Protein backbone atom coordinates (compact mmCIF):
# COMPACT_ATOMS: atom_id res chain seq x y z
CA UNK A 1 95.59 87.68 85.29
CA UNK A 2 97.32 90.54 83.48
CA UNK A 3 97.00 93.56 85.78
CA UNK A 4 97.60 96.09 83.00
CA UNK A 5 100.61 97.60 84.72
CA UNK A 6 103.39 96.90 82.22
CA UNK A 7 105.69 99.87 81.75
CA UNK A 8 104.55 101.73 84.88
CA UNK A 9 107.10 102.96 87.42
CA UNK A 10 106.69 102.27 91.13
CA UNK A 11 108.56 103.42 94.22
CA UNK A 12 108.21 100.85 97.00
CA UNK A 13 109.70 102.02 100.27
CA UNK A 14 111.40 99.50 102.54
CA UNK A 15 111.58 97.04 99.65
CA UNK A 16 114.82 95.18 100.36
CA UNK A 17 113.05 92.63 102.57
CA UNK A 18 109.73 91.49 104.01
CA UNK A 19 106.40 92.80 102.75
CA UNK A 20 108.03 95.60 100.76
CA UNK A 21 110.23 93.20 98.83
CA UNK A 22 107.27 90.90 98.16
CA UNK A 23 105.30 93.85 96.75
CA UNK A 24 108.26 94.85 94.59
CA UNK A 25 108.51 91.30 93.21
CA UNK A 26 104.80 91.07 92.39
CA UNK A 27 104.81 94.47 90.71
CA UNK A 28 107.86 93.48 88.66
CA UNK A 29 106.04 90.28 87.72
CA UNK A 30 103.41 92.57 86.17
CA UNK A 31 106.03 94.41 84.13
CA UNK A 32 106.47 97.38 86.47
CA UNK A 33 109.83 99.16 86.69
CA UNK A 34 110.38 99.17 90.45
CA UNK A 35 112.51 101.65 92.39
CA UNK A 36 113.98 99.66 95.27
CA UNK A 37 114.29 101.61 98.49
CA UNK A 38 116.05 100.92 101.76
CA UNK A 39 118.62 102.66 103.90
CA UNK A 40 121.40 100.27 102.84
CA UNK A 41 122.66 100.89 99.30
CA UNK A 42 124.21 97.44 98.94
CA UNK A 43 121.03 95.64 100.05
CA UNK A 44 119.01 97.70 97.60
CA UNK A 45 121.47 96.87 94.82
CA UNK A 46 121.22 93.14 95.55
CA UNK A 47 117.44 93.35 95.30
CA UNK A 48 117.73 95.28 92.02
CA UNK A 49 120.03 92.59 90.62
CA UNK A 50 117.63 89.83 91.70
CA UNK A 51 114.68 91.56 89.98
CA UNK A 52 116.71 92.14 86.81
CA UNK A 53 117.57 88.46 86.72
CA UNK A 54 114.03 87.21 87.33
CA UNK A 55 112.19 89.84 85.28
CA UNK A 56 114.60 90.88 82.50
CA UNK A 57 111.96 92.92 80.64
CA UNK A 58 111.77 95.38 83.55
CA UNK A 59 114.21 98.07 84.65
CA UNK A 60 114.46 98.06 88.45
CA UNK A 61 116.65 100.78 89.92
CA UNK A 62 118.36 101.55 93.19
CA UNK A 63 116.53 104.23 95.20
CA UNK A 64 118.39 103.76 98.48
CA UNK A 65 117.69 106.55 100.96
CA UNK A 66 116.59 107.13 104.52
CA UNK A 67 113.23 108.62 103.61
CA UNK A 68 112.64 109.72 107.21
CA UNK A 69 115.38 112.28 106.56
CA UNK A 70 114.06 115.29 104.64
CA UNK A 71 117.34 116.00 102.81
CA UNK A 72 117.59 112.40 101.61
CA UNK A 73 113.94 112.51 100.50
CA UNK A 74 114.61 115.64 98.47
CA UNK A 75 117.65 114.00 96.86
CA UNK A 76 115.44 111.05 95.96
CA UNK A 77 112.92 113.42 94.36
CA UNK A 78 115.66 114.95 92.20
CA UNK A 79 116.77 111.50 91.06
CA UNK A 80 113.27 110.15 90.47
CA UNK A 81 110.87 113.07 89.89
CA UNK A 82 107.95 110.96 88.64
CA UNK A 83 106.34 107.65 89.60
CA UNK A 84 103.01 106.14 88.64
CA UNK A 85 102.76 104.09 91.84
CA UNK A 86 103.88 104.93 95.37
CA UNK A 87 103.80 102.16 97.97
CA UNK A 88 104.49 103.53 101.44
CA UNK A 89 105.62 100.37 103.20
CA UNK A 90 108.62 101.48 105.25
CA UNK A 91 108.05 101.62 109.00
CA UNK A 92 109.49 100.76 112.38
CA UNK A 93 107.94 98.76 115.21
CA UNK A 94 108.90 97.42 118.60
CA UNK A 95 107.07 95.92 121.55
CA UNK A 96 107.05 98.61 124.23
CA UNK A 97 105.24 99.32 127.47
CA UNK A 98 103.19 102.53 127.38
CA UNK A 99 104.98 103.72 130.53
CA UNK A 100 108.33 103.52 128.73
CA UNK A 101 107.30 105.66 125.73
CA UNK A 102 108.53 109.22 126.15
CA UNK A 103 108.00 112.18 123.84
CA UNK A 104 111.15 111.43 121.89
CA UNK A 105 109.92 107.94 121.02
CA UNK A 106 106.50 109.25 119.98
CA UNK A 107 108.21 111.81 117.74
CA UNK A 108 110.52 109.23 116.15
CA UNK A 109 107.59 106.97 115.29
CA UNK A 110 105.53 109.87 113.95
CA UNK A 111 108.40 111.15 111.82
CA UNK A 112 109.32 107.70 110.50
CA UNK A 113 105.95 105.99 110.01
CA UNK A 114 103.80 108.99 109.09
CA UNK A 115 105.70 112.10 108.02
CA UNK A 116 108.03 110.18 105.68
CA UNK A 117 105.08 108.62 103.87
CA UNK A 118 103.23 111.93 103.79
CA UNK A 119 106.29 113.69 102.35
CA UNK A 120 106.45 111.22 99.46
CA UNK A 121 102.71 111.43 98.80
CA UNK A 122 102.77 115.22 98.89
CA UNK A 123 105.51 115.30 96.27
CA UNK A 124 104.20 112.65 93.86
CA UNK A 125 100.44 113.26 94.04
CA UNK A 126 100.35 116.43 91.88
CA UNK A 127 101.94 114.74 88.84
CA UNK A 128 99.63 111.75 89.27
CA UNK A 129 96.64 114.10 89.16
CA UNK A 130 98.06 115.91 86.14
CA UNK A 131 98.48 112.59 84.29
CA UNK A 132 95.08 111.33 85.47
CA UNK A 133 96.58 108.08 86.72
CA UNK A 134 98.34 107.16 89.92
CA UNK A 135 98.27 104.83 92.87
CA UNK A 136 99.24 105.67 96.43
CA UNK A 137 99.18 102.68 98.72
CA UNK A 138 99.90 102.70 102.45
CA UNK A 139 100.81 99.50 104.31
CA UNK A 140 99.30 99.71 107.78
CA UNK A 141 98.47 96.85 110.15
CA UNK A 142 95.59 95.25 112.01
CA UNK A 143 97.00 97.26 114.93
CA UNK A 144 95.47 100.34 113.28
CA UNK A 145 91.99 98.99 114.03
CA UNK A 146 92.60 96.69 116.97
CA UNK A 147 95.62 97.77 119.04
CA UNK A 148 97.06 94.90 121.04
CA UNK A 149 98.42 97.26 123.69
CA UNK A 150 101.91 95.88 123.14
CA UNK A 151 102.99 98.62 120.71
CA UNK A 152 100.98 101.80 121.42
CA UNK A 153 103.46 104.01 119.59
CA UNK A 154 103.25 101.81 116.48
CA UNK A 155 99.47 101.37 116.54
CA UNK A 156 98.98 105.14 116.77
CA UNK A 157 100.98 105.78 113.60
CA UNK A 158 99.22 103.03 111.66
CA UNK A 159 95.83 104.50 112.60
CA UNK A 160 97.08 107.85 111.32
CA UNK A 161 97.82 106.31 107.92
CA UNK A 162 94.15 105.36 107.53
CA UNK A 163 93.14 108.98 108.09
CA UNK A 164 95.88 110.31 105.82
CA UNK A 165 94.94 107.92 103.02
CA UNK A 166 91.29 109.00 103.13
CA UNK A 167 92.22 112.68 103.22
CA UNK A 168 94.39 112.22 100.12
CA UNK A 169 91.67 110.19 98.43
CA UNK A 170 89.26 113.10 98.71
CA UNK A 171 91.71 115.15 96.64
CA UNK A 172 91.49 112.60 93.81
CA UNK A 173 87.73 112.86 93.23
CA UNK A 174 86.78 112.41 89.58
CA UNK A 175 90.22 111.13 88.58
CA UNK A 176 91.90 107.79 87.96
CA UNK A 177 94.20 108.40 90.94
CA UNK A 178 93.59 106.41 94.11
CA UNK A 179 94.84 106.34 97.69
CA UNK A 180 94.22 103.18 99.72
CA UNK A 181 95.56 101.25 102.69
CA UNK A 182 96.27 97.56 103.19
CA UNK A 183 95.97 96.29 106.76
CA UNK A 184 97.92 93.01 106.98
CA UNK A 185 97.71 90.72 109.97
CA UNK A 186 100.73 88.83 111.40
CA UNK A 187 103.04 88.20 108.44
CA UNK A 188 105.86 85.71 107.97
CA UNK A 189 108.74 88.06 107.27
CA UNK A 190 112.30 86.79 107.35
CA UNK A 191 112.68 88.14 110.91
CA UNK A 192 109.47 86.48 112.14
CA UNK A 193 110.53 83.20 110.52
CA UNK A 194 113.81 83.30 112.45
CA UNK A 195 112.04 84.02 115.74
CA UNK A 196 109.51 81.19 115.37
CA UNK A 197 112.24 78.82 114.26
CA UNK A 198 114.30 79.57 117.38
CA UNK A 199 111.46 79.13 119.88
CA UNK A 200 110.94 75.39 119.43
CA UNK A 201 113.05 72.19 119.27
CA UNK A 202 115.02 71.60 116.08
CA UNK A 203 113.34 68.27 115.40
CA UNK A 204 110.00 70.03 114.78
CA UNK A 205 109.10 71.09 111.25
CA UNK A 206 108.48 74.78 110.72
CA UNK A 207 104.82 74.08 109.99
CA UNK A 208 104.52 72.39 113.39
CA UNK A 209 106.25 75.30 115.10
CA UNK A 210 104.02 77.81 113.36
CA UNK A 211 100.86 75.94 114.31
CA UNK A 212 101.89 75.66 117.95
CA UNK A 213 102.87 79.34 118.14
CA UNK A 214 99.61 80.52 116.60
CA UNK A 215 97.48 78.40 118.91
CA UNK A 216 99.29 79.69 121.98
CA UNK A 217 99.77 83.34 121.03
CA UNK A 218 97.28 84.30 118.32
CA UNK A 219 94.21 82.12 118.86
CA UNK A 220 91.98 84.84 117.39
CA UNK A 221 93.56 84.30 113.94
CA UNK A 222 91.09 82.42 111.79
CA UNK A 223 93.70 81.12 109.34
CA UNK A 224 95.96 79.91 112.20
CA UNK A 225 99.11 80.61 110.21
CA UNK A 226 101.16 83.65 109.33
CA UNK A 227 100.24 85.50 106.16
CA UNK A 228 102.83 84.95 103.45
CA UNK A 229 104.40 88.17 102.13
CA UNK A 230 103.64 87.23 98.51
CA UNK A 231 99.92 87.13 99.36
CA UNK A 232 100.11 90.79 100.36
CA UNK A 233 102.21 91.45 97.26
CA UNK A 234 99.52 90.06 94.96
CA UNK A 235 96.82 92.13 96.67
CA UNK A 236 99.00 95.23 96.35
CA UNK A 237 99.53 94.58 92.64
CA UNK A 238 95.77 94.40 92.12
CA UNK A 239 95.10 97.59 94.08
CA UNK A 240 97.75 99.34 91.97
CA UNK A 241 96.13 98.18 88.74
CA UNK A 242 93.61 100.01 86.52
CA UNK A 243 91.04 97.40 87.61
CA UNK A 244 90.99 98.81 91.15
CA UNK A 245 89.88 102.37 90.34
CA UNK A 246 86.75 101.99 92.47
CA UNK A 247 88.83 101.57 95.64
CA UNK A 248 88.96 105.14 96.97
CA UNK A 249 90.31 105.80 100.46
CA UNK A 250 89.58 102.18 101.32
CA UNK A 251 91.11 100.33 104.29
CA UNK A 252 91.56 96.86 102.79
CA UNK A 253 91.87 94.24 105.53
CA UNK A 254 94.06 91.19 104.97
CA UNK A 255 94.31 90.21 108.61
CA UNK A 256 93.50 86.51 108.53
CA UNK A 257 90.37 87.17 110.56
CA UNK A 258 92.25 88.83 113.44
CA UNK A 259 89.90 91.82 113.61
CA UNK A 260 86.26 91.03 114.38
CA UNK A 261 83.74 92.55 111.99
CA UNK A 262 81.42 95.09 113.58
CA UNK A 263 78.20 95.78 111.71
């Protein structure tokens, strides 16, 4: 399906690996010129080169910056003053006990997972409204709705993104600008793949390892496998398309059935 996005420009934060990279790939597949962001300039450049090779009709560019740093964000704004699509994917997470989380940790997570995304949205939203087209997409987590208790500092920030997205959406009333949130469940990033691979004997296939891990650790998952990053990428491409204008401030769950539905 042609998503009607050819020629648009998108900034995808944290797009040198994992979910962010998958979203960048799927947007480029739709003809979008993607700005690749990460803190490492060389990693961003490698991703740019890969997109150029696979999707030669697009013009991906290197937008390396630590967007949690206000000065680097402002430098990014000077370099790329307009985007049609903003995907706020970048974030940090770590399993932590609540007793070990001090004020400094709370502040780091708030600054990185919330204020950085808000700073980008605050800058790019006005031009989207002026042009009567724009997409702001936040990547949250099932932790936003159903905290596991293993990452309180992370879950808090992901819940905040739901509220922020809806607040921004209310500013887009009557326009073709949208602000939405995707809530992925456990996803098979490169890092997760390495962890699962290392937990079981080498003579087991990865599919066998994945199945055993899910049954033991995530029995509430209805798909009983990790979500593939490209699946989230395809959903993101749709939500960024003109066909998704009716999604306004929506939390879109793609959690594999992790979160029970409450009527």
